[in-house]
Amino acid sequence: MNYSSAEEIFDEIAALTINFKGITYERLDAMELHWPCTSLDHPGTPFLHKDRFSRGLGLFHAIEYRPSEELPDEEYPRWTVGHRRS
C-alpha cells in the first residue's frame, strides 16, 4: 500500500464501502455528514435509527460470558483494544 495522505486512504474506503460512498474530504469541509451517506447527493443520516431499526424492532438476546482466551503475560504485556483491566 502506497498512500501519500489520509485522504487517499479515505477515498479508497469510500470507493469500496456503500455507507461512505457519498463522503469526501471536500464535502466534509463544507458540511457535517453522518454515515450512511451512499451517494454524492445524499444528505447523510444524522439519526440512523430515529424512526425504526433497519431490521424491524431489532434483535437483542443475552449471550453467555466467555473469558478471553489470551491474557497479557511477560511476552505480550499489553491489553488490546476491547479488553479492560479488572
C-alpha atoms as a PDB file:
ATOM      1  CA  MET A   1       0.000   0.000   0.000  1.00  0.00           C
ATOM      2  CA  ASN A   2       1.436   3.294  -1.045  1.00  0.00           C
ATOM      3  CA  TYR A   3      -0.648   6.233   0.180  1.00  0.00           C
ATOM      4  CA  SER A   4       0.545   9.811   0.411  1.00  0.00           C
ATOM      5  CA  SER A   5      -2.244  11.069   2.681  1.00  0.00           C
ATOM      6  CA  ALA A   6      -5.127  10.106   4.939  1.00  0.00           C
ATOM      7  CA  GLU A   7      -7.444  11.500   2.270  1.00  0.00           C
ATOM      8  CA  GLU A   8      -6.239   8.889  -0.242  1.00  0.00           C
ATOM      9  CA  ILE A   9      -6.948   6.146   2.272  1.00  0.00           C
ATOM     10  CA  PHE A  10     -10.409   7.536   2.972  1.00  0.00           C
ATOM     11  CA  ASP A  11     -11.120   7.829  -0.762  1.00  0.00           C
ATOM     12  CA  GLU A  12     -10.378   4.121  -1.120  1.00  0.00           C
ATOM     13  CA  ILE A  13     -12.626   3.248   1.822  1.00  0.00           C
ATOM     14  CA  ALA A  14     -15.439   5.347   0.302  1.00  0.00           C
ATOM     15  CA  ALA A  15     -14.973   3.671  -3.081  1.00  0.00           C
ATOM     16  CA  LEU A  16     -15.300   0.206  -1.515  1.00  0.00           C
ATOM     17  CA  THR A  17     -17.953   0.804   1.171  1.00  0.00           C
ATOM     18  CA  ILE A  18     -21.511   1.772   0.205  1.00  0.00           C
ATOM     19  CA  ASN A  19     -22.141   3.587   3.506  1.00  0.00           C
ATOM     20  CA  PHE A  20     -19.271   6.019   2.806  1.00  0.00           C
ATOM     21  CA  LYS A  21     -19.585   6.487  -0.981  1.00  0.00           C
ATOM     22  CA  GLY A  22     -21.036   9.980  -0.590  1.00  0.00           C
ATOM     23  CA  ILE A  23     -18.461  11.248   1.918  1.00  0.00           C
ATOM     24  CA  THR A  24     -15.422  13.138   0.657  1.00  0.00           C
ATOM     25  CA  TYR A  25     -12.969  15.491   2.329  1.00  0.00           C
ATOM     26  CA  GLU A  26     -14.387  18.298   0.173  1.00  0.00           C
ATOM     27  CA  ARG A  27     -17.936  17.629   1.394  1.00  0.00           C
ATOM     28  CA  LEU A  28     -16.759  17.352   4.995  1.00  0.00           C
ATOM     29  CA  ASP A  29     -15.056  20.749   4.704  1.00  0.00           C
ATOM     30  CA  ALA A  30     -18.342  22.246   3.506  1.00  0.00           C
ATOM     31  CA  MET A  31     -20.812  20.498   5.846  1.00  0.00           C
ATOM     32  CA  GLU A  32     -21.317  17.988   8.602  1.00  0.00           C
ATOM     33  CA  LEU A  33     -22.089  14.493   7.287  1.00  0.00           C
ATOM     34  CA  HIS A  34     -23.074  11.321   9.090  1.00  0.00           C
ATOM     35  CA  TRP A  35     -22.921   7.823   7.672  1.00  0.00           C
ATOM     36  CA  PRO A  36     -24.566   6.158   5.974  1.00  0.00           C
ATOM     37  CA  CYS A  37     -24.146   8.564   3.103  1.00  0.00           C
ATOM     38  CA  THR A  38     -24.486   6.446  -0.001  1.00  0.00           C
ATOM     39  CA  SER A  39     -24.005   8.954  -2.843  1.00  0.00           C
ATOM     40  CA  LEU A  40     -22.647  12.431  -3.519  1.00  0.00           C
ATOM     41  CA  ASP A  41     -26.167  13.877  -3.492  1.00  0.00           C
ATOM     42  CA  HIS A  42     -27.179  12.054  -0.290  1.00  0.00           C
ATOM     43  CA  PRO A  43     -27.550  14.452   2.698  1.00  0.00           C
ATOM     44  CA  GLY A  44     -26.168  11.975   5.221  1.00  0.00           C
ATOM     45  CA  THR A  45     -28.042  10.263   8.040  1.00  0.00           C
ATOM     46  CA  PRO A  46     -27.853  12.222  11.302  1.00  0.00           C
ATOM     47  CA  PHE A  47     -30.227   9.786  13.102  1.00  0.00           C
ATOM     48  CA  LEU A  48     -29.528   6.216  11.991  1.00  0.00           C
ATOM     49  CA  HIS A  49     -32.363   4.553  13.913  1.00  0.00           C
ATOM     50  CA  LYS A  50     -34.632   7.536  14.656  1.00  0.00           C
ATOM     51  CA  ASP A  51     -37.925   6.096  13.403  1.00  0.00           C
ATOM     52  CA  ARG A  52     -37.137   2.410  13.065  1.00  0.00           C
ATOM     53  CA  PHE A  53     -34.331  -0.138  13.099  1.00  0.00           C
ATOM     54  CA  SER A  54     -33.186  -1.317   9.686  1.00  0.00           C
ATOM     55  CA  ARG A  55     -34.327  -4.852  10.604  1.00  0.00           C
ATOM     56  CA  GLY A  56     -37.642  -4.012  12.251  1.00  0.00           C
ATOM     57  CA  LEU A  57     -37.605  -3.616  16.015  1.00  0.00           C
ATOM     58  CA  GLY A  58     -34.120  -5.106  16.272  1.00  0.00           C
ATOM     59  CA  LEU A  59     -32.980  -8.462  17.567  1.00  0.00           C
ATOM     60  CA  PHE A  60     -31.498  -8.499  21.033  1.00  0.00           C
ATOM     61  CA  HIS A  61     -30.555 -11.517  23.102  1.00  0.00           C
ATOM     62  CA  ALA A  62     -28.285 -12.296  26.016  1.00  0.00           C
ATOM     63  CA  ILE A  63     -25.071 -14.192  25.464  1.00  0.00           C
ATOM     64  CA  GLU A  64     -23.110 -16.230  27.957  1.00  0.00           C
ATOM     65  CA  TYR A  65     -19.913 -14.647  29.302  1.00  0.00           C
ATOM     66  CA  ARG A  66     -16.778 -16.280  27.967  1.00  0.00           C
ATOM     67  CA  PRO A  67     -13.395 -15.147  29.330  1.00  0.00           C
ATOM     68  CA  SER A  68     -10.693 -14.094  26.913  1.00  0.00           C
ATOM     69  CA  GLU A  69      -8.551 -16.891  25.532  1.00  0.00           C
ATOM     70  CA  GLU A  70      -5.465 -14.673  25.615  1.00  0.00           C
ATOM     71  CA  LEU A  71      -4.385 -12.546  28.548  1.00  0.00           C
ATOM     72  CA  PRO A  72      -1.332 -10.303  28.987  1.00  0.00           C
ATOM     73  CA  ASP A  73       1.847 -12.118  30.003  1.00  0.00           C
ATOM     74  CA  GLU A  74       5.576 -11.382  30.117  1.00  0.00           C
ATOM     75  CA  GLU A  75       5.972 -11.828  26.363  1.00  0.00           C
ATOM     76  CA  TYR A  76       2.921  -9.687  25.470  1.00  0.00           C
ATOM     77  CA  PRO A  77       2.245  -7.437  28.490  1.00  0.00           C
ATOM     78  CA  ARG A  78      -0.289  -5.074  26.863  1.00  0.00           C
ATOM     79  CA  TRP A  79      -4.042  -5.301  26.568  1.00  0.00           C
ATOM     80  CA  THR A  80      -5.540  -4.998  23.117  1.00  0.00           C
ATOM     81  CA  VAL A  81      -8.491  -2.800  22.199  1.00  0.00           C
ATOM     82  CA  GLY A  82     -11.672  -4.162  23.726  1.00  0.00           C
ATOM     83  CA  HIS A  83     -10.080  -5.509  26.909  1.00  0.00           C
ATOM     84  CA  ARG A  84     -10.281  -3.849  30.298  1.00  0.00           C
ATOM     85  CA  ARG A  85      -8.229  -4.415  33.373  1.00  0.00           C
ATOM     86  CA  SER A  86     -10.258  -5.563  36.347  1.00  0.00           C
END
